[in-house]
Amino acid sequence: ALSFLLRTVGLDVQPHADGAAFLEALPGLRPGCIVT
């Protein structure tokens, strides 16, 4: 629901299952903001 909401206003969203999954993906990301 959060991903859908953010995408409706044009934001690029890359959801992850949990904090560990996000940290594993983080080296390849340059997030403008993190919502957790």
PDB file of all heavy atoms in Angstrom:
ATOM      1  N   ALA A   1       0.826  -1.203   0.000  1.00  0.00           N
ATOM      2  CA  ALA A   1       0.000   0.000   0.000  1.00  0.00           C
ATOM      3  C   ALA A   1       0.861   1.255   0.000  1.00  0.00           C
ATOM      4  O   ALA A   1       0.577   2.211  -0.733  1.00  0.00           O
ATOM      5  CB  ALA A   1      -0.937  -0.006   1.212  1.00  0.00           C
ATOM      6  N   LEU A   2       1.901   1.252   0.801  1.00  0.00           N
ATOM      7  CA  LEU A   2       2.800   2.401   0.850  1.00  0.00           C
ATOM      8  C   LEU A   2       3.506   2.587  -0.489  1.00  0.00           C
ATOM      9  O   LEU A   2       3.612   3.709  -0.992  1.00  0.00           O
ATOM     10  CB  LEU A   2       3.823   2.238   1.972  1.00  0.00           C
ATOM     11  CG  LEU A   2       4.851   3.355   2.100  1.00  0.00           C
ATOM     12  CD1 LEU A   2       4.170   4.664   2.464  1.00  0.00           C
ATOM     13  CD2 LEU A   2       5.900   2.991   3.128  1.00  0.00           C
ATOM     14  N   SER A   3       3.974   1.497  -1.070  1.00  0.00           N
ATOM     15  CA  SER A   3       4.647   1.573  -2.370  1.00  0.00           C
ATOM     16  C   SER A   3       3.705   2.154  -3.421  1.00  0.00           C
ATOM     17  O   SER A   3       4.100   3.038  -4.198  1.00  0.00           O
ATOM     18  CB  SER A   3       5.116   0.187  -2.815  1.00  0.00           C
ATOM     19  OG  SER A   3       6.097  -0.307  -1.949  1.00  0.00           O
ATOM     20  N   PHE A   4       2.480   1.669  -3.454  1.00  0.00           N
ATOM     21  CA  PHE A   4       1.497   2.173  -4.408  1.00  0.00           C
ATOM     22  C   PHE A   4       1.264   3.666  -4.205  1.00  0.00           C
ATOM     23  O   PHE A   4       1.263   4.449  -5.156  1.00  0.00           O
ATOM     24  CB  PHE A   4       0.176   1.406  -4.270  1.00  0.00           C
ATOM     25  CG  PHE A   4      -0.902   1.941  -5.158  1.00  0.00           C
ATOM     26  CD1 PHE A   4      -0.931   1.632  -6.505  1.00  0.00           C
ATOM     27  CD2 PHE A   4      -1.883   2.775  -4.637  1.00  0.00           C
ATOM     28  CE1 PHE A   4      -1.926   2.145  -7.330  1.00  0.00           C
ATOM     29  CE2 PHE A   4      -2.882   3.296  -5.453  1.00  0.00           C
ATOM     30  CZ  PHE A   4      -2.907   2.974  -6.799  1.00  0.00           C
ATOM     31  N   LEU A   5       1.075   4.064  -2.960  1.00  0.00           N
ATOM     32  CA  LEU A   5       0.813   5.466  -2.641  1.00  0.00           C
ATOM     33  C   LEU A   5       1.961   6.363  -3.109  1.00  0.00           C
ATOM     34  O   LEU A   5       1.741   7.400  -3.735  1.00  0.00           O
ATOM     35  CB  LEU A   5       0.603   5.612  -1.134  1.00  0.00           C
ATOM     36  CG  LEU A   5       0.320   7.008  -0.608  1.00  0.00           C
ATOM     37  CD1 LEU A   5      -0.993   7.531  -1.166  1.00  0.00           C
ATOM     38  CD2 LEU A   5       0.280   6.991   0.905  1.00  0.00           C
ATOM     39  N   LEU A   6       3.175   5.965  -2.848  1.00  0.00           N
ATOM     40  CA  LEU A   6       4.333   6.774  -3.239  1.00  0.00           C
ATOM     41  C   LEU A   6       4.518   6.807  -4.752  1.00  0.00           C
ATOM     42  O   LEU A   6       4.905   7.828  -5.317  1.00  0.00           O
ATOM     43  CB  LEU A   6       5.588   6.260  -2.542  1.00  0.00           C
ATOM     44  CG  LEU A   6       5.601   6.429  -1.025  1.00  0.00           C
ATOM     45  CD1 LEU A   6       6.809   5.740  -0.415  1.00  0.00           C
ATOM     46  CD2 LEU A   6       5.555   7.904  -0.633  1.00  0.00           C
ATOM     47  N   ARG A   7       4.219   5.709  -5.402  1.00  0.00           N
ATOM     48  CA  ARG A   7       4.334   5.678  -6.868  1.00  0.00           C
ATOM     49  C   ARG A   7       3.292   6.576  -7.537  1.00  0.00           C
ATOM     50  O   ARG A   7       3.546   7.130  -8.602  1.00  0.00           O
ATOM     51  CB  ARG A   7       4.201   4.251  -7.382  1.00  0.00           C
ATOM     52  CG  ARG A   7       5.441   3.431  -7.138  1.00  0.00           C
ATOM     53  CD  ARG A   7       5.336   2.043  -7.762  1.00  0.00           C
ATOM     54  NE  ARG A   7       6.572   1.311  -7.572  1.00  0.00           N
ATOM     55  CZ  ARG A   7       6.688   0.200  -6.852  1.00  0.00           C
ATOM     56  NH1 ARG A   7       5.620  -0.333  -6.281  1.00  0.00           N
ATOM     57  NH2 ARG A   7       7.857  -0.379  -6.710  1.00  0.00           N
ATOM     58  N   THR A   8       2.109   6.733  -6.904  1.00  0.00           N
ATOM     59  CA  THR A   8       1.063   7.570  -7.501  1.00  0.00           C
ATOM     60  C   THR A   8       1.478   9.026  -7.580  1.00  0.00           C
ATOM     61  O   THR A   8       0.924   9.778  -8.376  1.00  0.00           O
ATOM     62  CB  THR A   8      -0.279   7.470  -6.736  1.00  0.00           C
ATOM     63  OG1 THR A   8      -0.107   7.955  -5.410  1.00  0.00           O
ATOM     64  CG2 THR A   8      -0.820   6.061  -6.751  1.00  0.00           C
ATOM     65  N   VAL A   9       2.442   9.432  -6.769  1.00  0.00           N
ATOM     66  CA  VAL A   9       2.930  10.810  -6.831  1.00  0.00           C
ATOM     67  C   VAL A   9       4.268  10.895  -7.548  1.00  0.00           C
ATOM     68  O   VAL A   9       4.978  11.888  -7.469  1.00  0.00           O
ATOM     69  CB  VAL A   9       3.010  11.461  -5.431  1.00  0.00           C
ATOM     70  CG1 VAL A   9       1.620  11.604  -4.829  1.00  0.00           C
ATOM     71  CG2 VAL A   9       3.941  10.712  -4.514  1.00  0.00           C
ATOM     72  N   GLY A  10       4.624   9.805  -8.263  1.00  0.00           N
ATOM     73  CA  GLY A  10       5.800   9.838  -9.117  1.00  0.00           C
ATOM     74  C   GLY A  10       7.127   9.483  -8.483  1.00  0.00           C
ATOM     75  O   GLY A  10       8.178   9.700  -9.085  1.00  0.00           O
ATOM     76  N   LEU A  11       7.104   8.915  -7.287  1.00  0.00           N
ATOM     77  CA  LEU A  11       8.362   8.555  -6.637  1.00  0.00           C
ATOM     78  C   LEU A  11       8.800   7.153  -7.053  1.00  0.00           C
ATOM     79  O   LEU A  11       7.981   6.272  -7.276  1.00  0.00           O
ATOM     80  CB  LEU A  11       8.207   8.626  -5.115  1.00  0.00           C
ATOM     81  CG  LEU A  11       7.922  10.016  -4.556  1.00  0.00           C
ATOM     82  CD1 LEU A  11       7.693   9.935  -3.057  1.00  0.00           C
ATOM     83  CD2 LEU A  11       9.054  10.977  -4.863  1.00  0.00           C
ATOM     84  N   ASP A  12      10.098   6.964  -7.157  1.00  0.00           N
ATOM     85  CA  ASP A  12      10.669   5.657  -7.451  1.00  0.00           C
ATOM     86  C   ASP A  12      10.757   4.897  -6.137  1.00  0.00           C
ATOM     87  O   ASP A  12      11.376   5.365  -5.179  1.00  0.00           O
ATOM     88  CB  ASP A  12      12.062   5.827  -8.056  1.00  0.00           C
ATOM     89  CG  ASP A  12      12.729   4.506  -8.380  1.00  0.00           C
ATOM     90  OD1 ASP A  12      12.021   3.511  -8.614  1.00  0.00           O
ATOM     91  OD2 ASP A  12      13.974   4.470  -8.389  1.00  0.00           O
ATOM     92  N   VAL A  13      10.128   3.743  -6.072  1.00  0.00           N
ATOM     93  CA  VAL A  13      10.055   2.968  -4.841  1.00  0.00           C
ATOM     94  C   VAL A  13      10.690   1.604  -5.065  1.00  0.00           C
ATOM     95  O   VAL A  13      10.414   0.946  -6.059  1.00  0.00           O
ATOM     96  CB  VAL A  13       8.577   2.793  -4.397  1.00  0.00           C
ATOM     97  CG1 VAL A  13       8.485   1.955  -3.145  1.00  0.00           C
ATOM     98  CG2 VAL A  13       7.914   4.143  -4.219  1.00  0.00           C
ATOM     99  N   GLN A  14      11.533   1.220  -4.136  1.00  0.00           N
ATOM    100  CA  GLN A  14      12.176  -0.089  -4.200  1.00  0.00           C
ATOM    101  C   GLN A  14      11.959  -0.797  -2.867  1.00  0.00           C
ATOM    102  O   GLN A  14      12.783  -0.697  -1.964  1.00  0.00           O
ATOM    103  CB  GLN A  14      13.658   0.069  -4.506  1.00  0.00           C
ATOM    104  CG  GLN A  14      13.887   0.727  -5.844  1.00  0.00           C
ATOM    105  CD  GLN A  14      15.348   0.985  -6.128  1.00  0.00           C
ATOM    106  OE1 GLN A  14      16.223   0.614  -5.367  1.00  0.00           O
ATOM    107  NE2 GLN A  14      15.603   1.632  -7.241  1.00  0.00           N
ATOM    108  N   PRO A  15      10.824  -1.492  -2.737  1.00  0.00           N
ATOM    109  CA  PRO A  15      10.503  -2.140  -1.452  1.00  0.00           C
ATOM    110  C   PRO A  15      11.379  -3.366  -1.183  1.00  0.00           C
ATOM    111  O   PRO A  15      11.846  -4.027  -2.109  1.00  0.00           O
ATOM    112  CB  PRO A  15       9.042  -2.541  -1.612  1.00  0.00           C
ATOM    113  CG  PRO A  15       8.799  -2.593  -3.069  1.00  0.00           C
ATOM    114  CD  PRO A  15       9.770  -1.654  -3.714  1.00  0.00           C
ATOM    115  N   HIS A  16      11.583  -3.610   0.092  1.00  0.00           N
ATOM    116  CA  HIS A  16      12.350  -4.771   0.553  1.00  0.00           C
ATOM    117  C   HIS A  16      11.581  -5.438   1.682  1.00  0.00           C
ATOM    118  O   HIS A  16      10.842  -4.783   2.410  1.00  0.00           O
ATOM    119  CB  HIS A  16      13.738  -4.337   1.015  1.00  0.00           C
ATOM    120  CG  HIS A  16      14.524  -3.710  -0.091  1.00  0.00           C
ATOM    121  ND1 HIS A  16      15.238  -4.437  -1.001  1.00  0.00           N
ATOM    122  CD2 HIS A  16      14.670  -2.424  -0.458  1.00  0.00           C
ATOM    123  CE1 HIS A  16      15.810  -3.628  -1.880  1.00  0.00           C
ATOM    124  NE2 HIS A  16      15.469  -2.394  -1.578  1.00  0.00           N
ATOM    125  N   ALA A  17      11.784  -6.730   1.851  1.00  0.00           N
ATOM    126  CA  ALA A  17      11.026  -7.515   2.819  1.00  0.00           C
ATOM    127  C   ALA A  17      11.301  -7.111   4.261  1.00  0.00           C
ATOM    128  O   ALA A  17      10.434  -7.195   5.114  1.00  0.00           O
ATOM    129  CB  ALA A  17      11.312  -9.005   2.633  1.00  0.00           C
ATOM    130  N   ASP A  18      12.528  -6.683   4.541  1.00  0.00           N
ATOM    131  CA  ASP A  18      12.886  -6.308   5.908  1.00  0.00           C
ATOM    132  C   ASP A  18      14.188  -5.515   5.878  1.00  0.00           C
ATOM    133  O   ASP A  18      14.762  -5.272   4.815  1.00  0.00           O
ATOM    134  CB  ASP A  18      13.011  -7.549   6.806  1.00  0.00           C
ATOM    135  CG  ASP A  18      13.982  -8.573   6.277  1.00  0.00           C
ATOM    136  OD1 ASP A  18      15.083  -8.198   5.825  1.00  0.00           O
ATOM    137  OD2 ASP A  18      13.656  -9.770   6.313  1.00  0.00           O
ATOM    138  N   GLY A  19      14.643  -5.113   7.046  1.00  0.00           N
ATOM    139  CA  GLY A  19      15.849  -4.300   7.139  1.00  0.00           C
ATOM    140  C   GLY A  19      17.087  -5.006   6.626  1.00  0.00           C
ATOM    141  O   GLY A  19      17.955  -4.387   6.000  1.00  0.00           O
ATOM    142  N   ALA A  20      17.181  -6.300   6.862  1.00  0.00           N
ATOM    143  CA  ALA A  20      18.349  -7.048   6.389  1.00  0.00           C
ATOM    144  C   ALA A  20      18.387  -7.078   4.865  1.00  0.00           C
ATOM    145  O   ALA A  20      19.449  -6.888   4.261  1.00  0.00           O
ATOM    146  CB  ALA A  20      18.339  -8.460   6.968  1.00  0.00           C
ATOM    147  N   ALA A  21      17.245  -7.291   4.235  1.00  0.00           N
ATOM    148  CA  ALA A  21      17.186  -7.305   2.772  1.00  0.00           C
ATOM    149  C   ALA A  21      17.555  -5.938   2.207  1.00  0.00           C
ATOM    150  O   ALA A  21      18.252  -5.843   1.193  1.00  0.00           O
ATOM    151  CB  ALA A  21      15.791  -7.721   2.302  1.00  0.00           C
ATOM    152  N   PHE A  22      17.102  -4.875   2.864  1.00  0.00           N
ATOM    153  CA  PHE A  22      17.456  -3.535   2.405  1.00  0.00           C
ATOM    154  C   PHE A  22      18.961  -3.300   2.514  1.00  0.00           C
ATOM    155  O   PHE A  22      19.589  -2.803   1.580  1.00  0.00           O
ATOM    156  CB  PHE A  22      16.699  -2.462   3.190  1.00  0.00           C
ATOM    157  CG  PHE A  22      17.120  -1.076   2.800  1.00  0.00           C
ATOM    158  CD1 PHE A  22      16.714  -0.544   1.591  1.00  0.00           C
ATOM    159  CD2 PHE A  22      17.948  -0.326   3.611  1.00  0.00           C
ATOM    160  CE1 PHE A  22      17.123   0.727   1.202  1.00  0.00           C
ATOM    161  CE2 PHE A  22      18.362   0.934   3.239  1.00  0.00           C
ATOM    162  CZ  PHE A  22      17.942   1.465   2.025  1.00  0.00           C
ATOM    163  N   LEU A  23      19.538  -3.661   3.637  1.00  0.00           N
ATOM    164  CA  LEU A  23      20.980  -3.459   3.809  1.00  0.00           C
ATOM    165  C   LEU A  23      21.786  -4.273   2.804  1.00  0.00           C
ATOM    166  O   LEU A  23      22.836  -3.816   2.343  1.00  0.00           O
ATOM    167  CB  LEU A  23      21.408  -3.786   5.230  1.00  0.00           C
ATOM    168  CG  LEU A  23      21.010  -2.738   6.267  1.00  0.00           C
ATOM    169  CD1 LEU A  23      21.351  -3.226   7.665  1.00  0.00           C
ATOM    170  CD2 LEU A  23      21.682  -1.410   6.000  1.00  0.00           C
ATOM    171  N   GLU A  24      21.300  -5.450   2.443  1.00  0.00           N
ATOM    172  CA  GLU A  24      21.976  -6.254   1.422  1.00  0.00           C
ATOM    173  C   GLU A  24      21.930  -5.568   0.063  1.00  0.00           C
ATOM    174  O   GLU A  24      22.874  -5.659  -0.714  1.00  0.00           O
ATOM    175  CB  GLU A  24      21.338  -7.640   1.339  1.00  0.00           C
ATOM    176  CG  GLU A  24      21.601  -8.497   2.563  1.00  0.00           C
ATOM    177  CD  GLU A  24      20.702  -9.724   2.655  1.00  0.00           C
ATOM    178  OE1 GLU A  24      19.926  -9.998   1.706  1.00  0.00           O
ATOM    179  OE2 GLU A  24      20.760 -10.406   3.692  1.00  0.00           O
ATOM    180  N   ALA A  25      20.841  -4.874  -0.235  1.00  0.00           N
ATOM    181  CA  ALA A  25      20.682  -4.196  -1.521  1.00  0.00           C
ATOM    182  C   ALA A  25      21.304  -2.804  -1.537  1.00  0.00           C
ATOM    183  O   ALA A  25      21.581  -2.254  -2.608  1.00  0.00           O
ATOM    184  CB  ALA A  25      19.193  -4.080  -1.865  1.00  0.00           C
ATOM    185  N   LEU A  26      21.547  -2.225  -0.387  1.00  0.00           N
ATOM    186  CA  LEU A  26      21.976  -0.832  -0.280  1.00  0.00           C
ATOM    187  C   LEU A  26      23.246  -0.480  -1.053  1.00  0.00           C
ATOM    188  O   LEU A  26      23.315   0.615  -1.616  1.00  0.00           O
ATOM    189  CB  LEU A  26      22.118  -0.435   1.195  1.00  0.00           C
ATOM    190  CG  LEU A  26      22.350   1.044   1.475  1.00  0.00           C
ATOM    191  CD1 LEU A  26      21.250   1.902   0.862  1.00  0.00           C
ATOM    192  CD2 LEU A  26      22.426   1.281   2.977  1.00  0.00           C
ATOM    193  N   PRO A  27      24.246  -1.333  -1.161  1.00  0.00           N
ATOM    194  CA  PRO A  27      25.433  -0.930  -1.922  1.00  0.00           C
ATOM    195  C   PRO A  27      25.135  -0.499  -3.361  1.00  0.00           C
ATOM    196  O   PRO A  27      25.834   0.348  -3.908  1.00  0.00           O
ATOM    197  CB  PRO A  27      26.328  -2.170  -1.886  1.00  0.00           C
ATOM    198  CG  PRO A  27      25.946  -2.840  -0.613  1.00  0.00           C
ATOM    199  CD  PRO A  27      24.459  -2.628  -0.502  1.00  0.00           C
ATOM    200  N   GLY A  28      24.091  -1.022  -3.954  1.00  0.00           N
ATOM    201  CA  GLY A  28      23.732  -0.648  -5.319  1.00  0.00           C
ATOM    202  C   GLY A  28      22.700   0.460  -5.414  1.00  0.00           C
ATOM    203  O   GLY A  28      22.260   0.806  -6.509  1.00  0.00           O
ATOM    204  N   LEU A  29      22.331   1.041  -4.293  1.00  0.00           N
ATOM    205  CA  LEU A  29      21.290   2.065  -4.261  1.00  0.00           C
ATOM    206  C   LEU A  29      21.838   3.413  -3.810  1.00  0.00           C
ATOM    207  O   LEU A  29      22.803   3.491  -3.065  1.00  0.00           O
ATOM    208  CB  LEU A  29      20.180   1.657  -3.280  1.00  0.00           C
ATOM    209  CG  LEU A  29      19.472   0.331  -3.530  1.00  0.00           C
ATOM    210  CD1 LEU A  29      18.500   0.048  -2.390  1.00  0.00           C
ATOM    211  CD2 LEU A  29      18.738   0.364  -4.854  1.00  0.00           C
ATOM    212  N   ARG A  30      21.181   4.473  -4.245  1.00  0.00           N
ATOM    213  CA  ARG A  30      21.426   5.827  -3.748  1.00  0.00           C
ATOM    214  C   ARG A  30      20.074   6.406  -3.355  1.00  0.00           C
ATOM    215  O   ARG A  30      19.487   7.211  -4.071  1.00  0.00           O
ATOM    216  CB  ARG A  30      22.079   6.703  -4.818  1.00  0.00           C
ATOM    217  CG  ARG A  30      23.513   6.400  -5.059  1.00  0.00           C
ATOM    218  CD  ARG A  30      24.342   6.895  -3.883  1.00  0.00           C
ATOM    219  NE  ARG A  30      25.725   6.488  -4.038  1.00  0.00           N
ATOM    220  CZ  ARG A  30      26.536   6.329  -3.013  1.00  0.00           C
ATOM    221  NH1 ARG A  30      26.105   6.527  -1.785  1.00  0.00           N
ATOM    222  NH2 ARG A  30      27.765   5.972  -3.192  1.00  0.00           N
ATOM    223  N   PRO A  31      19.545   5.978  -2.202  1.00  0.00           N
ATOM    224  CA  PRO A  31      18.191   6.416  -1.832  1.00  0.00           C
ATOM    225  C   PRO A  31      18.121   7.899  -1.504  1.00  0.00           C
ATOM    226  O   PRO A  31      19.028   8.450  -0.880  1.00  0.00           O
ATOM    227  CB  PRO A  31      17.879   5.574  -0.595  1.00  0.00           C
ATOM    228  CG  PRO A  31      19.214   5.236  -0.023  1.00  0.00           C
ATOM    229  CD  PRO A  31      20.150   5.134  -1.188  1.00  0.00           C
ATOM    230  N   GLY A  32      17.035   8.522  -1.953  1.00  0.00           N
ATOM    231  CA  GLY A  32      16.793   9.913  -1.585  1.00  0.00           C
ATOM    232  C   GLY A  32      16.132   9.992  -0.227  1.00  0.00           C
ATOM    233  O   GLY A  32      16.217  11.003   0.460  1.00  0.00           O
ATOM    234  N   CYS A  33      15.478   8.914   0.154  1.00  0.00           N
ATOM    235  CA  CYS A  33      14.790   8.818   1.437  1.00  0.00           C
ATOM    236  C   CYS A  33      14.504   7.344   1.702  1.00  0.00           C
ATOM    237  O   CYS A  33      14.298   6.573   0.774  1.00  0.00           O
ATOM    238  CB  CYS A  33      13.486   9.603   1.384  1.00  0.00           C
ATOM    239  SG  CYS A  33      12.499   9.499   2.885  1.00  0.00           S
ATOM    240  N   ILE A  34      14.507   6.979   2.964  1.00  0.00           N
ATOM    241  CA  ILE A  34      14.191   5.616   3.368  1.00  0.00           C
ATOM    242  C   ILE A  34      12.979   5.680   4.285  1.00  0.00           C
ATOM    243  O   ILE A  34      12.972   6.459   5.247  1.00  0.00           O
ATOM    244  CB  ILE A  34      15.380   4.971   4.109  1.00  0.00           C
ATOM    245  CG1 ILE A  34      16.607   4.910   3.189  1.00  0.00           C
ATOM    246  CG2 ILE A  34      15.004   3.593   4.635  1.00  0.00           C
ATOM    247  CD1 ILE A  34      17.905   4.607   3.920  1.00  0.00           C
ATOM    248  N   VAL A  35      11.957   4.888   3.989  1.00  0.00           N
ATOM    249  CA  VAL A  35      10.788   4.775   4.849  1.00  0.00           C
ATOM    250  C   VAL A  35      10.795   3.338   5.368  1.00  0.00           C
ATOM    251  O   VAL A  35      10.806   2.394   4.582  1.00  0.00           O
ATOM    252  CB  VAL A  35       9.485   5.069   4.088  1.00  0.00           C
ATOM    253  CG1 VAL A  35       8.288   4.929   5.023  1.00  0.00           C
ATOM    254  CG2 VAL A  35       9.524   6.465   3.472  1.00  0.00           C
ATOM    255  N   THR A  36      10.824   3.188   6.684  1.00  0.00           N
ATOM    256  CA  THR A  36      10.944   1.854   7.261  1.00  0.00           C
ATOM    257  C   THR A  36       9.967   1.635   8.396  1.00  0.00           C
ATOM    258  O   THR A  36       9.672   2.547   9.164  1.00  0.00           O
ATOM    259  CB  THR A  36      12.385   1.610   7.768  1.00  0.00           C
ATOM    260  OG1 THR A  36      12.498   0.273   8.247  1.00  0.00           O
ATOM    261  CG2 THR A  36      12.781   2.571   8.864  1.00  0.00           C
TER     262      THR A  36
END
